[in-house]
């Protein structure tokens, strides 16, 4: 079995050019872009808050440790604000859940259009309703588990920081503790990132092809990943560097257009249409890469596969 990355990416790029530029159809861009917009509702880049350069000061750490109790006392003293904040949190949770449901259905809609070179919304929305709902439930449970794990890690970090402030951890132990915290965070981030990547790029296509639930699709994908672990590990690294390249290109594009291009990209839906060649190529690359592992992982139409075999 000859597993390649460049050839799969090249085929994905060719699919994108044929679908979006041969010929260029603005209406098709807006339709496919809408499905890409739905698919990536919760995949937008997270904001990065500005920081201070005084984190090495003792009182800053103490403020962090004391913040939960201070915030709780303030909320108890201001019940109206506490109710408003609670309502805001509940509303945000509802919005996230709705977006997760829409994006779960949207991932199958976008994949359908990429695989079949179509520009349809209604048909894949209804046809892959069961698979989309299964994906949503899996993501919902997984999201709750990840959120609970984050809370536990944060509480664990707070405990360690409190011990450092109280002097229970000093000297070299403090350095090792900080290094351990960083290592734990990076490990957690990498593992969850790979799970999300594999879910989107490989498990969804398996569900799409075999019309099965998310759990059953994981059951088919995990043995394959275990057998070719190195290939999939490298795939994630390649995706990471491709994203870096895209980010650099976006920055250059923004500077060349006096930030007008950046403004277009951050506008919901319009940004998905402008960014469609990139998202289309990434989606096509993932299924082209997966198809190399055998016909049971090839999501493309049988007629197309037979045509390629005859050409070969």
C-alpha atoms as a PDB file:
ATOM      1  CA  UNK A   1       0.000   0.000   0.000  1.00  0.00           C
ATOM      2  CA  UNK A   2       1.507   3.307  -1.139  1.00  0.00           C
ATOM      3  CA  UNK A   3       0.331   6.119   1.153  1.00  0.00           C
ATOM      4  CA  UNK A   4       1.259   9.599  -0.049  1.00  0.00           C
ATOM      5  CA  UNK A   5       0.523  13.088   1.200  1.00  0.00           C
ATOM      6  CA  UNK A   6       1.550  15.279  -1.720  1.00  0.00           C
ATOM      7  CA  UNK A   7      -0.428  13.292  -4.284  1.00  0.00           C
ATOM      8  CA  UNK A   8      -3.544  13.347  -2.090  1.00  0.00           C
ATOM      9  CA  UNK A   9      -3.162  17.096  -1.584  1.00  0.00           C
ATOM     10  CA  UNK A  10      -2.576  17.582  -5.309  1.00  0.00           C
ATOM     11  CA  UNK A  11      -5.740  15.639  -6.155  1.00  0.00           C
ATOM     12  CA  UNK A  12      -7.675  17.663  -3.604  1.00  0.00           C
ATOM     13  CA  UNK A  13      -6.336  20.864  -5.168  1.00  0.00           C
ATOM     14  CA  UNK A  14      -7.346  19.656  -8.648  1.00  0.00           C
ATOM     15  CA  UNK A  15     -10.858  18.862  -7.393  1.00  0.00           C
ATOM     16  CA  UNK A  16     -11.138  22.361  -5.987  1.00  0.00           C
ATOM     17  CA  UNK A  17     -10.007  23.979  -9.264  1.00  0.00           C
ATOM     18  CA  UNK A  18     -12.412  21.887 -11.325  1.00  0.00           C
ATOM     19  CA  UNK A  19     -15.354  22.518  -8.997  1.00  0.00           C
ATOM     20  CA  UNK A  20     -14.866  26.253  -8.424  1.00  0.00           C
ATOM     21  CA  UNK A  21     -13.000  27.590 -11.447  1.00  0.00           C
ATOM     22  CA  UNK A  22     -13.777  25.295 -14.416  1.00  0.00           C
ATOM     23  CA  UNK A  23     -15.986  27.139 -15.064  1.00  0.00           C
ATOM     24  CA  UNK A  24     -16.278  29.891 -12.472  1.00  0.00           C
ATOM     25  CA  UNK A  25     -19.857  30.050 -11.196  1.00  0.00           C
ATOM     26  CA  UNK A  26     -20.556  32.667  -8.529  1.00  0.00           C
ATOM     27  CA  UNK A  27     -23.893  31.078  -7.665  1.00  0.00           C
ATOM     28  CA  UNK A  28     -22.188  27.754  -6.997  1.00  0.00           C
ATOM     29  CA  UNK A  29     -19.662  29.518  -4.765  1.00  0.00           C
ATOM     30  CA  UNK A  30     -22.428  30.994  -2.638  1.00  0.00           C
ATOM     31  CA  UNK A  31     -24.297  27.680  -2.320  1.00  0.00           C
ATOM     32  CA  UNK A  32     -21.248  25.540  -1.517  1.00  0.00           C
ATOM     33  CA  UNK A  33     -19.902  28.374   0.620  1.00  0.00           C
ATOM     34  CA  UNK A  34     -23.082  28.249   2.676  1.00  0.00           C
ATOM     35  CA  UNK A  35     -22.582  24.559   3.423  1.00  0.00           C
ATOM     36  CA  UNK A  36     -18.941  25.279   4.294  1.00  0.00           C
ATOM     37  CA  UNK A  37     -20.153  28.066   6.582  1.00  0.00           C
ATOM     38  CA  UNK A  38     -22.488  25.667   8.388  1.00  0.00           C
ATOM     39  CA  UNK A  39     -19.779  23.013   8.634  1.00  0.00           C
ATOM     40  CA  UNK A  40     -17.327  25.427  10.256  1.00  0.00           C
ATOM     41  CA  UNK A  41     -19.677  27.300  12.586  1.00  0.00           C
ATOM     42  CA  UNK A  42     -17.644  26.327  15.659  1.00  0.00           C
ATOM     43  CA  UNK A  43     -14.264  26.076  13.923  1.00  0.00           C
ATOM     44  CA  UNK A  44     -13.412  29.779  13.863  1.00  0.00           C
ATOM     45  CA  UNK A  45     -10.115  30.968  15.324  1.00  0.00           C
ATOM     46  CA  UNK A  46     -10.275  31.751  19.011  1.00  0.00           C
ATOM     47  CA  UNK A  47      -9.419  35.170  20.299  1.00  0.00           C
ATOM     48  CA  UNK A  48      -6.209  35.761  22.145  1.00  0.00           C
ATOM     49  CA  UNK A  49      -6.398  38.216  24.947  1.00  0.00           C
ATOM     50  CA  UNK A  50      -3.721  40.770  25.583  1.00  0.00           C
ATOM     51  CA  UNK A  51      -1.495  40.161  28.554  1.00  0.00           C
ATOM     52  CA  UNK A  52       0.673  41.979  31.005  1.00  0.00           C
ATOM     53  CA  UNK A  53       4.403  41.468  31.380  1.00  0.00           C
ATOM     54  CA  UNK A  54       4.203  41.374  35.174  1.00  0.00           C
ATOM     55  CA  UNK A  55       3.271  37.763  35.678  1.00  0.00           C
ATOM     56  CA  UNK A  56       6.385  37.208  37.742  1.00  0.00           C
ATOM     57  CA  UNK A  57       5.140  39.429  40.538  1.00  0.00           C
ATOM     58  CA  UNK A  58       3.934  37.683  43.657  1.00  0.00           C
ATOM     59  CA  UNK A  59       0.735  39.694  44.021  1.00  0.00           C
ATOM     60  CA  UNK A  60      -0.408  38.797  40.491  1.00  0.00           C
ATOM     61  CA  UNK A  61      -0.386  35.090  41.352  1.00  0.00           C
ATOM     62  CA  UNK A  62      -2.159  35.812  44.608  1.00  0.00           C
ATOM     63  CA  UNK A  63      -4.833  37.805  42.768  1.00  0.00           C
ATOM     64  CA  UNK A  64      -5.435  34.826  40.490  1.00  0.00           C
ATOM     65  CA  UNK A  65      -5.804  32.442  43.408  1.00  0.00           C
ATOM     66  CA  UNK A  66      -8.100  34.815  45.311  1.00  0.00           C
ATOM     67  CA  UNK A  67     -10.234  35.673  42.290  1.00  0.00           C
ATOM     68  CA  UNK A  68     -12.844  32.861  42.659  1.00  0.00           C
ATOM     69  CA  UNK A  69     -13.666  33.764  46.268  1.00  0.00           C
ATOM     70  CA  UNK A  70     -13.705  37.490  45.475  1.00  0.00           C
ATOM     71  CA  UNK A  71     -15.992  36.919  42.486  1.00  0.00           C
ATOM     72  CA  UNK A  72     -18.332  34.724  44.552  1.00  0.00           C
ATOM     73  CA  UNK A  73     -18.606  37.340  47.318  1.00  0.00           C
ATOM     74  CA  UNK A  74     -19.353  40.029  44.734  1.00  0.00           C
ATOM     75  CA  UNK A  75     -22.074  37.921  43.093  1.00  0.00           C
ATOM     76  CA  UNK A  76     -23.687  37.223  46.476  1.00  0.00           C
ATOM     77  CA  UNK A  77     -23.703  40.965  47.165  1.00  0.00           C
ATOM     78  CA  UNK A  78     -25.249  41.765  43.757  1.00  0.00           C
ATOM     79  CA  UNK A  79     -28.025  39.193  43.093  1.00  0.00           C
ATOM     80  CA  UNK A  80     -29.424  41.118  40.102  1.00  0.00           C
ATOM     81  CA  UNK A  81     -26.081  40.997  38.324  1.00  0.00           C
ATOM     82  CA  UNK A  82     -25.673  37.355  39.336  1.00  0.00           C
ATOM     83  CA  UNK A  83     -29.010  36.496  37.702  1.00  0.00           C
ATOM     84  CA  UNK A  84     -28.097  38.432  34.568  1.00  0.00           C
ATOM     85  CA  UNK A  85     -24.729  36.673  34.306  1.00  0.00           C
ATOM     86  CA  UNK A  86     -26.382  33.283  34.841  1.00  0.00           C
ATOM     87  CA  UNK A  87     -28.887  34.058  32.086  1.00  0.00           C
ATOM     88  CA  UNK A  88     -26.034  35.090  29.785  1.00  0.00           C
ATOM     89  CA  UNK A  89     -24.188  31.848  30.481  1.00  0.00           C
ATOM     90  CA  UNK A  90     -27.301  29.747  29.809  1.00  0.00           C
ATOM     91  CA  UNK A  91     -28.001  31.681  26.624  1.00  0.00           C
ATOM     92  CA  UNK A  92     -24.409  31.160  25.449  1.00  0.00           C
ATOM     93  CA  UNK A  93     -24.714  27.428  26.140  1.00  0.00           C
ATOM     94  CA  UNK A  94     -27.923  27.243  24.089  1.00  0.00           C
ATOM     95  CA  UNK A  95     -26.272  29.103  21.207  1.00  0.00           C
ATOM     96  CA  UNK A  96     -23.251  26.787  21.273  1.00  0.00           C
ATOM     97  CA  UNK A  97     -25.483  23.698  21.307  1.00  0.00           C
ATOM     98  CA  UNK A  98     -27.559  24.988  18.372  1.00  0.00           C
ATOM     99  CA  UNK A  99     -24.397  25.864  16.431  1.00  0.00           C
ATOM    100  CA  UNK A 100     -22.991  22.391  17.149  1.00  0.00           C
ATOM    101  CA  UNK A 101     -26.171  20.814  15.767  1.00  0.00           C
ATOM    102  CA  UNK A 102     -26.148  22.982  12.651  1.00  0.00           C
ATOM    103  CA  UNK A 103     -22.444  22.401  12.022  1.00  0.00           C
ATOM    104  CA  UNK A 104     -22.867  18.642  12.466  1.00  0.00           C
ATOM    105  CA  UNK A 105     -25.488  18.604   9.719  1.00  0.00           C
ATOM    106  CA  UNK A 106     -23.421  21.078   7.707  1.00  0.00           C
ATOM    107  CA  UNK A 107     -20.362  18.839   7.677  1.00  0.00           C
ATOM    108  CA  UNK A 108     -22.267  16.190   5.756  1.00  0.00           C
ATOM    109  CA  UNK A 109     -23.733  18.813   3.420  1.00  0.00           C
ATOM    110  CA  UNK A 110     -20.306  20.231   2.614  1.00  0.00           C
ATOM    111  CA  UNK A 111     -18.776  16.765   2.221  1.00  0.00           C
ATOM    112  CA  UNK A 112     -21.624  15.758  -0.123  1.00  0.00           C
ATOM    113  CA  UNK A 113     -20.957  18.753  -2.363  1.00  0.00           C
ATOM    114  CA  UNK A 114     -17.215  18.119  -2.415  1.00  0.00           C
ATOM    115  CA  UNK A 115     -17.505  14.389  -3.115  1.00  0.00           C
ATOM    116  CA  UNK A 116     -20.122  14.753  -5.860  1.00  0.00           C
ATOM    117  CA  UNK A 117     -19.050  18.176  -7.191  1.00  0.00           C
ATOM    118  CA  UNK A 118     -22.507  19.538  -6.446  1.00  0.00           C
ATOM    119  CA  UNK A 119     -23.976  22.732  -5.115  1.00  0.00           C
ATOM    120  CA  UNK A 120     -26.959  21.521  -3.107  1.00  0.00           C
ATOM    121  CA  UNK A 121     -28.378  22.345   0.305  1.00  0.00           C
ATOM    122  CA  UNK A 122     -31.805  20.753   0.709  1.00  0.00           C
ATOM    123  CA  UNK A 123     -30.968  17.229  -0.475  1.00  0.00           C
ATOM    124  CA  UNK A 124     -27.933  16.558   1.770  1.00  0.00           C
ATOM    125  CA  UNK A 125     -29.645  18.333   4.687  1.00  0.00           C
ATOM    126  CA  UNK A 126     -32.447  15.769   4.644  1.00  0.00           C
ATOM    127  CA  UNK A 127     -30.542  12.766   3.319  1.00  0.00           C
ATOM    128  CA  UNK A 128     -27.882  12.824   6.035  1.00  0.00           C
ATOM    129  CA  UNK A 129     -30.137  13.938   8.862  1.00  0.00           C
ATOM    130  CA  UNK A 130     -29.627  10.746  10.886  1.00  0.00           C
ATOM    131  CA  UNK A 131     -25.829  10.830  10.527  1.00  0.00           C
ATOM    132  CA  UNK A 132     -25.722  14.533  11.323  1.00  0.00           C
ATOM    133  CA  UNK A 133     -27.770  14.082  14.484  1.00  0.00           C
ATOM    134  CA  UNK A 134     -25.554  11.157  15.543  1.00  0.00           C
ATOM    135  CA  UNK A 135     -22.470  13.306  15.021  1.00  0.00           C
ATOM    136  CA  UNK A 136     -24.068  16.096  17.051  1.00  0.00           C
ATOM    137  CA  UNK A 137     -24.814  13.797  20.000  1.00  0.00           C
ATOM    138  CA  UNK A 138     -21.270  12.420  19.928  1.00  0.00           C
ATOM    139  CA  UNK A 139     -19.789  15.930  19.837  1.00  0.00           C
ATOM    140  CA  UNK A 140     -22.107  17.045  22.635  1.00  0.00           C
ATOM    141  CA  UNK A 141     -21.022  14.232  24.961  1.00  0.00           C
ATOM    142  CA  UNK A 142     -17.393  14.672  23.987  1.00  0.00           C
ATOM    143  CA  UNK A 143     -17.648  18.425  24.569  1.00  0.00           C
ATOM    144  CA  UNK A 144     -19.051  17.888  28.065  1.00  0.00           C
ATOM    145  CA  UNK A 145     -16.200  15.482  28.873  1.00  0.00           C
ATOM    146  CA  UNK A 146     -13.585  17.921  27.582  1.00  0.00           C
ATOM    147  CA  UNK A 147     -15.183  20.808  29.493  1.00  0.00           C
ATOM    148  CA  UNK A 148     -15.186  18.776  32.711  1.00  0.00           C
ATOM    149  CA  UNK A 149     -11.537  17.846  32.124  1.00  0.00           C
ATOM    150  CA  UNK A 150     -10.642  21.518  31.595  1.00  0.00           C
ATOM    151  CA  UNK A 151     -12.355  22.463  34.865  1.00  0.00           C
ATOM    152  CA  UNK A 152     -10.419  19.747  36.716  1.00  0.00           C
ATOM    153  CA  UNK A 153      -7.122  20.855  35.170  1.00  0.00           C
ATOM    154  CA  UNK A 154      -7.801  24.499  36.044  1.00  0.00           C
ATOM    155  CA  UNK A 155      -8.639  23.568  39.642  1.00  0.00           C
ATOM    156  CA  UNK A 156      -5.492  21.451  39.804  1.00  0.00           C
ATOM    157  CA  UNK A 157      -3.412  24.369  38.507  1.00  0.00           C
ATOM    158  CA  UNK A 158      -5.029  26.728  41.033  1.00  0.00           C
ATOM    159  CA  UNK A 159      -4.087  24.340  43.804  1.00  0.00           C
ATOM    160  CA  UNK A 160      -0.479  24.207  42.651  1.00  0.00           C
ATOM    161  CA  UNK A 161      -0.267  27.989  42.297  1.00  0.00           C
ATOM    162  CA  UNK A 162      -1.714  28.410  45.788  1.00  0.00           C
ATOM    163  CA  UNK A 163       0.908  26.030  47.184  1.00  0.00           C
ATOM    164  CA  UNK A 164       3.667  28.003  45.465  1.00  0.00           C
ATOM    165  CA  UNK A 165       2.368  31.255  46.937  1.00  0.00           C
ATOM    166  CA  UNK A 166       2.129  29.732  50.421  1.00  0.00           C
ATOM    167  CA  UNK A 167       5.688  28.475  50.153  1.00  0.00           C
ATOM    168  CA  UNK A 168       4.898  24.769  50.130  1.00  0.00           C
ATOM    169  CA  UNK A 169       6.612  24.512  46.732  1.00  0.00           C
ATOM    170  CA  UNK A 170       9.905  26.375  46.518  1.00  0.00           C
ATOM    171  CA  UNK A 171      13.175  26.486  44.629  1.00  0.00           C
ATOM    172  CA  UNK A 172      13.722  23.863  41.944  1.00  0.00           C
ATOM    173  CA  UNK A 173      10.376  22.235  42.799  1.00  0.00           C
ATOM    174  CA  UNK A 174       8.627  25.392  41.613  1.00  0.00           C
ATOM    175  CA  UNK A 175      10.404  25.191  38.239  1.00  0.00           C
ATOM    176  CA  UNK A 176       9.538  21.504  37.845  1.00  0.00           C
ATOM    177  CA  UNK A 177       5.938  22.216  38.837  1.00  0.00           C
ATOM    178  CA  UNK A 178       5.573  24.950  36.228  1.00  0.00           C
ATOM    179  CA  UNK A 179       7.166  22.717  33.578  1.00  0.00           C
ATOM    180  CA  UNK A 180       4.783  19.920  34.536  1.00  0.00           C
ATOM    181  CA  UNK A 181       1.797  22.250  34.244  1.00  0.00           C
ATOM    182  CA  UNK A 182       2.900  23.374  30.787  1.00  0.00           C
ATOM    183  CA  UNK A 183       3.514  19.776  29.703  1.00  0.00           C
ATOM    184  CA  UNK A 184       0.102  18.674  30.980  1.00  0.00           C
ATOM    185  CA  UNK A 185      -1.621  21.516  29.153  1.00  0.00           C
ATOM    186  CA  UNK A 186       0.209  20.823  25.877  1.00  0.00           C
ATOM    187  CA  UNK A 187      -0.513  17.093  26.107  1.00  0.00           C
ATOM    188  CA  UNK A 188      -4.203  17.724  26.725  1.00  0.00           C
ATOM    189  CA  UNK A 189      -4.346  20.260  23.891  1.00  0.00           C
ATOM    190  CA  UNK A 190      -2.605  17.964  21.393  1.00  0.00           C
ATOM    191  CA  UNK A 191      -4.765  14.935  22.251  1.00  0.00           C
ATOM    192  CA  UNK A 192      -8.050  16.840  22.002  1.00  0.00           C
ATOM    193  CA  UNK A 193      -6.898  18.541  18.785  1.00  0.00           C
ATOM    194  CA  UNK A 194      -6.116  15.200  17.164  1.00  0.00           C
ATOM    195  CA  UNK A 195      -9.462  13.747  18.248  1.00  0.00           C
ATOM    196  CA  UNK A 196     -11.308  16.722  16.746  1.00  0.00           C
ATOM    197  CA  UNK A 197      -9.234  16.527  13.566  1.00  0.00           C
ATOM    198  CA  UNK A 198      -9.787  12.797  13.098  1.00  0.00           C
ATOM    199  CA  UNK A 199     -13.490  13.183  13.796  1.00  0.00           C
ATOM    200  CA  UNK A 200     -13.899  15.869  11.139  1.00  0.00           C
ATOM    201  CA  UNK A 201     -11.506  14.548   8.504  1.00  0.00           C
ATOM    202  CA  UNK A 202     -11.953  10.763   8.773  1.00  0.00           C
ATOM    203  CA  UNK A 203     -14.835   9.656  11.002  1.00  0.00           C
ATOM    204  CA  UNK A 204     -17.360  11.876   9.211  1.00  0.00           C
ATOM    205  CA  UNK A 205     -16.400  10.429   5.774  1.00  0.00           C
ATOM    206  CA  UNK A 206     -16.739   6.881   7.191  1.00  0.00           C
ATOM    207  CA  UNK A 207     -20.207   7.788   8.480  1.00  0.00           C
ATOM    208  CA  UNK A 208     -20.977   9.356   5.107  1.00  0.00           C
ATOM    209  CA  UNK A 209     -19.982   6.278   3.117  1.00  0.00           C
ATOM    210  CA  UNK A 210     -21.471   3.531   5.278  1.00  0.00           C
ATOM    211  CA  UNK A 211     -24.427   5.546   6.647  1.00  0.00           C
ATOM    212  CA  UNK A 212     -23.603   4.568  10.232  1.00  0.00           C
ATOM    213  CA  UNK A 213     -23.506   6.319  13.588  1.00  0.00           C
ATOM    214  CA  UNK A 214     -20.517   8.224  14.931  1.00  0.00           C
ATOM    215  CA  UNK A 215     -19.721   5.501  17.472  1.00  0.00           C
ATOM    216  CA  UNK A 216     -19.730   2.765  14.817  1.00  0.00           C
ATOM    217  CA  UNK A 217     -17.612   4.922  12.522  1.00  0.00           C
ATOM    218  CA  UNK A 218     -15.021   5.359  15.284  1.00  0.00           C
ATOM    219  CA  UNK A 219     -15.123   1.572  15.642  1.00  0.00           C
ATOM    220  CA  UNK A 220     -14.122   1.234  11.995  1.00  0.00           C
ATOM    221  CA  UNK A 221     -11.555   4.027  12.001  1.00  0.00           C
ATOM    222  CA  UNK A 222      -9.656   3.246  15.226  1.00  0.00           C
ATOM    223  CA  UNK A 223      -8.281  -0.152  14.037  1.00  0.00           C
ATOM    224  CA  UNK A 224      -7.085   1.559  10.852  1.00  0.00           C
ATOM    225  CA  UNK A 225      -5.462   4.365  12.835  1.00  0.00           C
ATOM    226  CA  UNK A 226      -3.777   1.874  15.165  1.00  0.00           C
ATOM    227  CA  UNK A 227      -2.356  -0.038  12.208  1.00  0.00           C
ATOM    228  CA  UNK A 228      -1.097   3.087  10.416  1.00  0.00           C
ATOM    229  CA  UNK A 229      -0.592   5.320  13.441  1.00  0.00           C
ATOM    230  CA  UNK A 230       2.510   7.027  12.056  1.00  0.00           C
ATOM    231  CA  UNK A 231       0.742   8.045   8.849  1.00  0.00           C
ATOM    232  CA  UNK A 232      -2.140   9.655  10.715  1.00  0.00           C
ATOM    233  CA  UNK A 233       0.168  11.311  13.225  1.00  0.00           C
ATOM    234  CA  UNK A 234       2.131  12.868  10.367  1.00  0.00           C
ATOM    235  CA  UNK A 235      -1.120  13.867   8.688  1.00  0.00           C
ATOM    236  CA  UNK A 236      -1.989  16.009  11.708  1.00  0.00           C
ATOM    237  CA  UNK A 237       1.457  17.644  11.619  1.00  0.00           C
ATOM    238  CA  UNK A 238       1.071  18.394   7.916  1.00  0.00           C
ATOM    239  CA  UNK A 239      -2.359  19.913   8.502  1.00  0.00           C
ATOM    240  CA  UNK A 240      -0.852  22.076  11.261  1.00  0.00           C
ATOM    241  CA  UNK A 241       1.836  23.436   8.934  1.00  0.00           C
ATOM    242  CA  UNK A 242      -0.665  23.933   6.110  1.00  0.00           C
ATOM    243  CA  UNK A 243      -2.778  26.014   8.485  1.00  0.00           C
ATOM    244  CA  UNK A 244       0.301  28.095   9.332  1.00  0.00           C
ATOM    245  CA  UNK A 245       0.904  28.657   5.622  1.00  0.00           C
ATOM    246  CA  UNK A 246      -2.726  29.702   5.143  1.00  0.00           C
ATOM    247  CA  UNK A 247      -2.504  32.109   8.090  1.00  0.00           C
ATOM    248  CA  UNK A 248       0.643  33.690   6.617  1.00  0.00           C
ATOM    249  CA  UNK A 249      -1.085  34.038   3.246  1.00  0.00           C
ATOM    250  CA  UNK A 250      -4.121  35.622   4.889  1.00  0.00           C
ATOM    251  CA  UNK A 251      -1.890  38.135   6.676  1.00  0.00           C
ATOM    252  CA  UNK A 252      -0.124  39.007   3.416  1.00  0.00           C
ATOM    253  CA  UNK A 253      -3.488  39.235   1.639  1.00  0.00           C
ATOM    254  CA  UNK A 254      -4.763  41.552   4.353  1.00  0.00           C
ATOM    255  CA  UNK A 255      -1.730  43.821   4.118  1.00  0.00           C
ATOM    256  CA  UNK A 256      -1.922  43.957   0.314  1.00  0.00           C
ATOM    257  CA  UNK A 257      -5.596  44.942   0.450  1.00  0.00           C
ATOM    258  CA  UNK A 258      -5.135  47.423   3.297  1.00  0.00           C
ATOM    259  CA  UNK A 259      -6.991  45.068   5.665  1.00  0.00           C
ATOM    260  CA  UNK A 260     -10.089  45.027   3.444  1.00  0.00           C
ATOM    261  CA  UNK A 261      -9.456  41.349   2.746  1.00  0.00           C
ATOM    262  CA  UNK A 262      -9.297  40.622   6.471  1.00  0.00           C
ATOM    263  CA  UNK A 263     -12.623  42.379   6.982  1.00  0.00           C
ATOM    264  CA  UNK A 264     -14.197  40.202   4.284  1.00  0.00           C
ATOM    265  CA  UNK A 265     -12.886  37.038   5.926  1.00  0.00           C
ATOM    266  CA  UNK A 266     -14.287  37.869   9.352  1.00  0.00           C
ATOM    267  CA  UNK A 267     -17.799  38.593   8.051  1.00  0.00           C
ATOM    268  CA  UNK A 268     -19.931  35.479   8.693  1.00  0.00           C
ATOM    269  CA  UNK A 269     -20.865  33.566   5.541  1.00  0.00           C
ATOM    270  CA  UNK A 270     -19.103  36.069   3.252  1.00  0.00           C
ATOM    271  CA  UNK A 271     -15.814  34.974   4.775  1.00  0.00           C
ATOM    272  CA  UNK A 272     -16.713  31.338   4.082  1.00  0.00           C
ATOM    273  CA  UNK A 273     -17.393  32.168   0.423  1.00  0.00           C
ATOM    274  CA  UNK A 274     -14.125  34.080   0.034  1.00  0.00           C
ATOM    275  CA  UNK A 275     -12.236  31.340   1.885  1.00  0.00           C
ATOM    276  CA  UNK A 276     -13.974  28.542  -0.046  1.00  0.00           C
ATOM    277  CA  UNK A 277     -10.970  27.463  -2.181  1.00  0.00           C
ATOM    278  CA  UNK A 278      -9.002  26.775   0.999  1.00  0.00           C
ATOM    279  CA  UNK A 279     -11.751  24.961   2.916  1.00  0.00           C
ATOM    280  CA  UNK A 280     -12.690  23.003  -0.222  1.00  0.00           C
ATOM    281  CA  UNK A 281      -9.084  21.899  -0.740  1.00  0.00           C
ATOM    282  CA  UNK A 282      -8.700  20.823   2.894  1.00  0.00           C
ATOM    283  CA  UNK A 283     -11.929  18.829   2.749  1.00  0.00           C
ATOM    284  CA  UNK A 284     -10.955  17.174  -0.546  1.00  0.00           C
ATOM    285  CA  UNK A 285      -7.438  16.471   0.742  1.00  0.00           C
ATOM    286  CA  UNK A 286      -8.765  14.606   3.782  1.00  0.00           C
ATOM    287  CA  UNK A 287     -11.011  12.272   1.775  1.00  0.00           C
ATOM    288  CA  UNK A 288      -8.346  11.749  -0.892  1.00  0.00           C
ATOM    289  CA  UNK A 289      -5.886  10.765   1.827  1.00  0.00           C
ATOM    290  CA  UNK A 290      -8.392   8.428   3.495  1.00  0.00           C
ATOM    291  CA  UNK A 291      -9.302   6.746   0.202  1.00  0.00           C
ATOM    292  CA  UNK A 292      -5.749   5.378  -0.072  1.00  0.00           C
ATOM    293  CA  UNK A 293      -6.445   2.888   2.738  1.00  0.00           C
ATOM    294  CA  UNK A 294      -8.857   0.764   0.746  1.00  0.00           C
ATOM    295  CA  UNK A 295     -12.251   0.821  -0.993  1.00  0.00           C
ATOM    296  CA  UNK A 296     -14.105   0.687   2.334  1.00  0.00           C
ATOM    297  CA  UNK A 297     -12.676   4.146   3.079  1.00  0.00           C
ATOM    298  CA  UNK A 298     -13.189   5.617  -0.388  1.00  0.00           C
ATOM    299  CA  UNK A 299     -16.182   7.964  -0.316  1.00  0.00           C
ATOM    300  CA  UNK A 300     -16.075   8.960  -3.973  1.00  0.00           C
ATOM    301  CA  UNK A 301     -18.717   7.592  -6.389  1.00  0.00           C
ATOM    302  CA  UNK A 302     -18.063   4.112  -7.738  1.00  0.00           C
ATOM    303  CA  UNK A 303     -18.247   5.368 -11.332  1.00  0.00           C
ATOM    304  CA  UNK A 304     -15.440   7.824 -10.686  1.00  0.00           C
ATOM    305  CA  UNK A 305     -13.260   5.180  -9.032  1.00  0.00           C
ATOM    306  CA  UNK A 306     -13.829   2.756 -11.910  1.00  0.00           C
ATOM    307  CA  UNK A 307     -12.888   5.487 -14.378  1.00  0.00           C
ATOM    308  CA  UNK A 308      -9.589   6.090 -12.588  1.00  0.00           C
ATOM    309  CA  UNK A 309      -8.827   2.365 -12.599  1.00  0.00           C
ATOM    310  CA  UNK A 310      -9.405   2.165 -16.372  1.00  0.00           C
ATOM    311  CA  UNK A 311      -7.110   5.152 -16.944  1.00  0.00           C
ATOM    312  CA  UNK A 312      -4.414   3.501 -14.865  1.00  0.00           C
END
